[in-house]
């Protein structure tokens, strides 16, 4: 009497990446990526007319379903896609810059090639390092950058993690959707949020820096030092979750100097001085950047 072979139970693999998302991988093969989460109705978005015709972004047609950003964030390493919460400019019907394809990936360098400390120094010296012929205007500028002078004060030290950066990013996304339910889901090929912004060609900081790859190099440094992750992005705004914020004013002053260098409008068109801005950074676990 023959004995039947034992049955073998196989673990099913994750569903492959949906065909509509595979064109997002402009420079690498998409064959090994997979996605479990179900996506709502959406479409692929390309760059500006005349650029590489391949799409750079997938965008949902309607508001982000509750819990989807968090699920996509958990799957980012297997999917190869970084989720974004997308906001339009002043609720415009064409959902600028996303729906209007105001994206410029071919003009962006790689975040991998950037020297964040040197970039911040250059930007700082462009704001604080030149002398004004008008003594009153120079005194005003010195008051803005106090307690620091025209010389770059150097990088802020890494903060102490107060929570898991991943869990905090997901909590921030959920909180943002509670107050801004019209935000849409975006998916971009990238290993992190900084790379995703450069990859899709977002140009929010254009009036300060037209190469998002350079800005992304600093964002990646913030991820390493402060557990900062890209959560939401608008026409010229950026929301970062921060798991290791400055714990006191001395730490916050150095972080504020980096914010002034990267995003001067946050201070110059906000509270007005670096020292006043720093007070708001102490224990701040969300950073919102805005470029005019």
Protein backbone atom coordinates (compact mmCIF):
# COMPACT_ATOMS: atom_id res chain seq x y z
CA UNK A 1 0.00 0.00 0.00
CA UNK A 2 1.51 3.25 -1.06
CA UNK A 3 1.59 6.21 1.25
CA UNK A 4 0.50 9.53 -0.30
CA UNK A 5 3.09 12.27 -0.09
CA UNK A 6 2.57 14.79 2.67
CA UNK A 7 0.71 17.91 1.70
CA UNK A 8 2.73 21.08 1.55
CA UNK A 9 1.29 24.44 2.48
CA UNK A 10 2.96 27.32 0.67
CA UNK A 11 2.96 30.90 1.84
CA UNK A 12 1.42 33.05 -0.83
CA UNK A 13 3.54 35.89 -2.10
CA UNK A 14 2.38 39.47 -1.83
CA UNK A 15 0.36 40.58 -4.85
CA UNK A 16 2.61 42.05 -7.52
CA UNK A 17 2.69 45.77 -8.08
CA UNK A 18 -0.40 46.83 -10.08
CA UNK A 19 0.41 47.32 -13.74
CA UNK A 20 -0.69 50.96 -13.63
CA UNK A 21 2.07 51.73 -11.11
CA UNK A 22 4.95 50.03 -12.85
CA UNK A 23 5.71 52.98 -15.18
CA UNK A 24 6.63 55.05 -12.11
CA UNK A 25 9.97 53.28 -11.95
CA UNK A 26 11.80 55.50 -14.40
CA UNK A 27 15.33 54.31 -13.71
CA UNK A 28 15.03 50.94 -11.98
CA UNK A 29 13.15 47.73 -12.72
CA UNK A 30 9.82 47.28 -10.97
CA UNK A 31 9.69 43.50 -11.18
CA UNK A 32 10.52 42.74 -7.55
CA UNK A 33 8.06 45.20 -6.00
CA UNK A 34 4.71 44.22 -4.53
CA UNK A 35 1.69 45.93 -2.99
CA UNK A 36 -1.04 44.53 -0.75
CA UNK A 37 -3.08 47.69 -0.26
CA UNK A 38 -6.00 48.35 -2.56
CA UNK A 39 -5.92 51.73 -4.25
CA UNK A 40 -8.88 53.99 -4.98
CA UNK A 41 -9.51 55.41 -8.43
CA UNK A 42 -6.49 57.36 -9.59
CA UNK A 43 -4.28 58.24 -12.50
CA UNK A 44 -0.67 58.58 -13.50
CA UNK A 45 0.71 62.11 -13.76
CA UNK A 46 3.57 63.14 -16.01
CA UNK A 47 5.98 66.04 -15.92
CA UNK A 48 5.74 69.34 -17.79
CA UNK A 49 5.11 69.23 -21.53
CA UNK A 50 8.27 68.47 -23.45
CA UNK A 51 9.88 66.46 -20.66
CA UNK A 52 10.43 62.71 -20.47
CA UNK A 53 6.93 61.36 -21.22
CA UNK A 54 7.07 58.67 -18.56
CA UNK A 55 4.89 59.38 -15.49
CA UNK A 56 6.43 60.55 -12.23
CA UNK A 57 3.47 60.29 -9.87
CA UNK A 58 0.29 58.35 -9.22
CA UNK A 59 -2.50 60.48 -7.72
CA UNK A 60 -5.88 59.49 -6.36
CA UNK A 61 -8.86 61.12 -8.05
CA UNK A 62 -10.49 61.95 -4.74
CA UNK A 63 -9.63 62.49 -1.08
CA UNK A 64 -7.34 60.03 0.65
CA UNK A 65 -9.28 57.16 2.26
CA UNK A 66 -8.81 56.96 6.01
CA UNK A 67 -5.90 54.71 6.91
CA UNK A 68 -4.54 54.30 3.38
CA UNK A 69 -1.48 56.56 3.76
CA UNK A 70 -0.48 54.63 6.86
CA UNK A 71 -0.88 51.28 5.07
CA UNK A 72 1.13 52.45 2.07
CA UNK A 73 3.82 53.81 4.38
CA UNK A 74 4.13 50.39 6.04
CA UNK A 75 4.53 48.79 2.61
CA UNK A 76 6.99 51.32 1.17
CA UNK A 77 9.99 48.99 1.33
CA UNK A 78 8.25 46.20 -0.59
CA UNK A 79 6.41 48.51 -2.99
CA UNK A 80 9.34 50.85 -3.64
CA UNK A 81 6.84 53.72 -3.48
CA UNK A 82 6.76 56.60 -1.01
CA UNK A 83 3.25 57.86 -0.14
CA UNK A 84 2.50 61.57 -0.06
CA UNK A 85 -0.53 63.51 1.07
CA UNK A 86 -1.07 66.00 -1.74
CA UNK A 87 -2.55 69.47 -1.33
CA UNK A 88 -3.46 71.90 -4.13
CA UNK A 89 -2.79 75.61 -4.43
CA UNK A 90 -5.76 77.42 -2.87
CA UNK A 91 -8.14 74.54 -3.66
CA UNK A 92 -7.84 75.24 -7.40
CA UNK A 93 -9.92 72.81 -9.52
CA UNK A 94 -6.95 71.52 -11.54
CA UNK A 95 -5.20 70.59 -8.29
CA UNK A 96 -1.98 72.50 -8.98
CA UNK A 97 0.81 71.57 -9.26
CA UNK A 98 -0.12 67.88 -9.41
CA UNK A 99 -3.05 67.79 -11.79
CA UNK A 100 -1.53 70.54 -13.93
CA UNK A 101 1.74 68.60 -14.32
CA UNK A 102 3.91 71.47 -13.03
CA UNK A 103 6.64 68.96 -12.21
CA UNK A 104 10.23 69.10 -13.43
CA UNK A 105 12.15 65.90 -12.65
CA UNK A 106 14.65 66.35 -15.47
CA UNK A 107 15.87 69.58 -13.85
CA UNK A 108 16.61 68.02 -10.45
CA UNK A 109 19.89 66.55 -9.26
CA UNK A 110 20.14 63.48 -7.04
CA UNK A 111 19.90 63.87 -3.25
CA UNK A 112 22.66 61.26 -3.04
CA UNK A 113 25.24 63.70 -4.41
CA UNK A 114 24.55 66.54 -1.96
CA UNK A 115 26.65 67.89 0.92
CA UNK A 116 24.00 69.16 3.35
CA UNK A 117 26.36 71.10 5.67
CA UNK A 118 27.91 72.93 2.74
CA UNK A 119 24.54 73.73 1.17
CA UNK A 120 23.22 75.16 4.42
CA UNK A 121 26.37 77.23 4.82
CA UNK A 122 26.01 78.66 1.31
CA UNK A 123 22.36 79.59 1.83
CA UNK A 124 23.06 81.07 5.25
CA UNK A 125 25.87 83.26 3.95
CA UNK A 126 23.62 84.43 1.12
CA UNK A 127 21.11 85.66 3.70
CA UNK A 128 23.30 86.78 6.60
CA UNK A 129 26.80 87.08 5.22
CA UNK A 130 26.70 90.19 3.04
CA UNK A 131 27.15 93.75 4.22
CA UNK A 132 24.56 96.42 3.49
CA UNK A 133 25.52 99.98 2.63
CA UNK A 134 22.61 101.20 4.74
CA UNK A 135 23.56 100.80 8.43
CA UNK A 136 19.92 100.63 9.51
CA UNK A 137 19.11 97.80 7.09
CA UNK A 138 22.21 95.89 8.11
CA UNK A 139 21.31 96.29 11.78
CA UNK A 140 17.82 94.99 10.99
CA UNK A 141 19.25 91.92 9.27
CA UNK A 142 21.61 91.28 12.18
CA UNK A 143 18.62 91.41 14.52
CA UNK A 144 16.87 88.78 12.39
CA UNK A 145 19.76 86.29 12.61
CA UNK A 146 20.75 86.93 16.25
CA UNK A 147 22.26 85.34 18.29
CA UNK A 148 24.27 84.29 15.23
CA UNK A 149 26.28 86.60 13.02
CA UNK A 150 27.20 86.47 9.35
CA UNK A 151 29.23 83.27 9.75
CA UNK A 152 27.39 79.95 9.49
CA UNK A 153 26.95 78.57 13.05
CA UNK A 154 27.21 74.95 11.94
CA UNK A 155 24.87 71.97 11.95
CA UNK A 156 22.54 71.33 14.86
CA UNK A 157 23.41 68.13 16.73
CA UNK A 158 21.13 65.13 16.33
CA UNK A 159 18.10 65.12 18.56
CA UNK A 160 17.07 62.37 20.96
CA UNK A 161 14.32 60.14 19.57
CA UNK A 162 11.15 60.46 21.62
CA UNK A 163 9.18 57.93 19.55
CA UNK A 164 9.44 55.68 16.50
CA UNK A 165 9.92 57.86 13.39
CA UNK A 166 7.72 55.52 11.34
CA UNK A 167 4.90 55.37 13.86
CA UNK A 168 5.05 59.12 14.36
CA UNK A 169 4.87 59.76 10.61
CA UNK A 170 1.75 57.61 10.39
CA UNK A 171 0.19 59.39 13.37
CA UNK A 172 0.91 62.76 11.77
CA UNK A 173 -0.71 61.67 8.51
CA UNK A 174 -3.85 60.59 10.34
CA UNK A 175 -3.96 63.88 12.25
CA UNK A 176 -3.49 65.94 9.09
CA UNK A 177 -6.37 64.18 7.37
CA UNK A 178 -8.66 64.94 10.28
CA UNK A 179 -8.22 68.67 9.73
CA UNK A 180 -7.58 68.60 5.95
CA UNK A 181 -9.79 65.78 4.64
CA UNK A 182 -9.50 66.90 0.99
CA UNK A 183 -5.83 65.87 0.77
CA UNK A 184 -5.22 63.23 -1.89
CA UNK A 185 -2.89 60.25 -1.97
CA UNK A 186 0.21 60.40 -4.12
CA UNK A 187 2.72 57.64 -4.82
CA UNK A 188 6.25 58.27 -6.10
CA UNK A 189 9.09 55.83 -6.66
CA UNK A 190 11.65 56.50 -3.96
CA UNK A 191 13.39 55.07 -0.93
CA UNK A 192 12.42 58.01 1.27
CA UNK A 193 10.37 61.18 1.15
CA UNK A 194 13.31 63.37 0.20
CA UNK A 195 14.13 61.18 -2.79
CA UNK A 196 10.46 61.09 -3.79
CA UNK A 197 10.21 64.89 -3.94
CA UNK A 198 13.26 65.12 -6.19
CA UNK A 199 12.15 62.15 -8.29
CA UNK A 200 8.75 63.65 -9.10
CA UNK A 201 10.27 67.07 -9.78
CA UNK A 202 8.41 69.09 -7.14
CA UNK A 203 9.45 72.74 -7.36
CA UNK A 204 7.91 74.26 -4.23
CA UNK A 205 11.15 75.97 -3.10
CA UNK A 206 11.68 77.47 -6.59
CA UNK A 207 11.98 81.10 -5.47
CA UNK A 208 14.76 80.14 -3.06
CA UNK A 209 16.37 77.08 -4.68
CA UNK A 210 15.37 75.67 -8.07
CA UNK A 211 17.07 72.28 -7.64
CA UNK A 212 14.91 70.08 -5.43
CA UNK A 213 17.76 67.57 -5.27
CA UNK A 214 19.73 70.07 -3.16
CA UNK A 215 16.79 70.69 -0.85
CA UNK A 216 16.23 66.93 -0.62
CA UNK A 217 19.82 66.48 0.48
CA UNK A 218 19.08 68.63 3.54
CA UNK A 219 15.76 66.87 4.18
CA UNK A 220 17.61 63.56 4.20
CA UNK A 221 20.06 64.99 6.75
CA UNK A 222 17.09 65.98 8.90
CA UNK A 223 15.73 62.47 8.65
CA UNK A 224 19.04 61.12 9.93
CA UNK A 225 19.39 63.66 12.75
CA UNK A 226 15.80 64.39 13.76
CA UNK A 227 13.76 61.42 12.50
CA UNK A 228 12.02 63.80 10.07
CA UNK A 229 9.87 62.25 7.35
CA UNK A 230 7.97 63.82 4.47
CA UNK A 231 4.22 63.43 5.03
CA UNK A 232 2.33 66.11 3.08
CA UNK A 233 3.26 68.45 0.25
CA UNK A 234 1.43 71.28 -1.48
CA UNK A 235 2.21 73.80 -4.19
CA UNK A 236 4.89 75.44 -2.05
CA UNK A 237 4.43 73.86 1.38
CA UNK A 238 5.90 70.83 3.07
CA UNK A 239 4.84 69.04 6.27
CA UNK A 240 7.41 66.87 8.04
CA UNK A 241 6.88 64.59 11.02
CA UNK A 242 9.73 65.00 13.52
CA UNK A 243 10.47 62.22 16.01
CA UNK A 244 13.54 63.86 17.60
CA UNK A 245 12.76 67.59 17.89
CA UNK A 246 15.01 70.04 19.76
CA UNK A 247 14.44 69.69 23.49
CA UNK A 248 15.52 73.16 24.62
CA UNK A 249 16.10 76.65 23.28
CA UNK A 250 19.83 76.22 22.72
CA UNK A 251 19.19 73.21 20.47
CA UNK A 252 16.27 74.97 18.80
CA UNK A 253 18.36 78.01 17.87
CA UNK A 254 20.71 75.89 15.77
CA UNK A 255 17.78 74.09 14.14
CA UNK A 256 16.17 77.47 13.45
CA UNK A 257 19.36 78.57 11.70
CA UNK A 258 19.01 75.58 9.37
CA UNK A 259 15.37 76.46 8.73
CA UNK A 260 16.33 80.05 7.91
CA UNK A 261 18.97 78.82 5.48
CA UNK A 262 16.68 76.32 3.74
CA UNK A 263 13.35 78.13 3.98
CA UNK A 264 13.85 81.83 4.82
CA UNK A 265 10.20 82.75 4.20
CA UNK A 266 9.19 80.70 7.24
CA UNK A 267 10.93 83.30 9.40
CA UNK A 268 11.21 86.47 7.31
CA UNK A 269 7.48 86.43 6.48
CA UNK A 270 6.50 84.82 9.78
CA UNK A 271 7.55 85.73 13.30
CA UNK A 272 10.38 87.86 11.92
CA UNK A 273 13.42 86.75 13.89
CA UNK A 274 15.34 83.53 14.28
CA UNK A 275 15.20 83.67 18.08
CA UNK A 276 11.41 84.03 18.13
CA UNK A 277 11.06 81.22 15.61
CA UNK A 278 13.31 78.96 17.69
CA UNK A 279 10.93 79.21 20.64
CA UNK A 280 8.25 77.52 18.52
CA UNK A 281 10.62 74.67 17.59
CA UNK A 282 11.19 73.40 21.12
CA UNK A 283 9.50 69.97 21.28
CA UNK A 284 7.74 70.68 17.96
CA UNK A 285 7.03 67.26 16.42
CA UNK A 286 5.74 68.63 13.10
CA UNK A 287 7.65 71.12 10.94
CA UNK A 288 5.77 73.01 8.24
CA UNK A 289 7.87 74.78 5.62
CA UNK A 290 6.58 77.42 3.22
CA UNK A 291 8.30 79.17 0.35
CA UNK A 292 6.75 82.35 -1.07
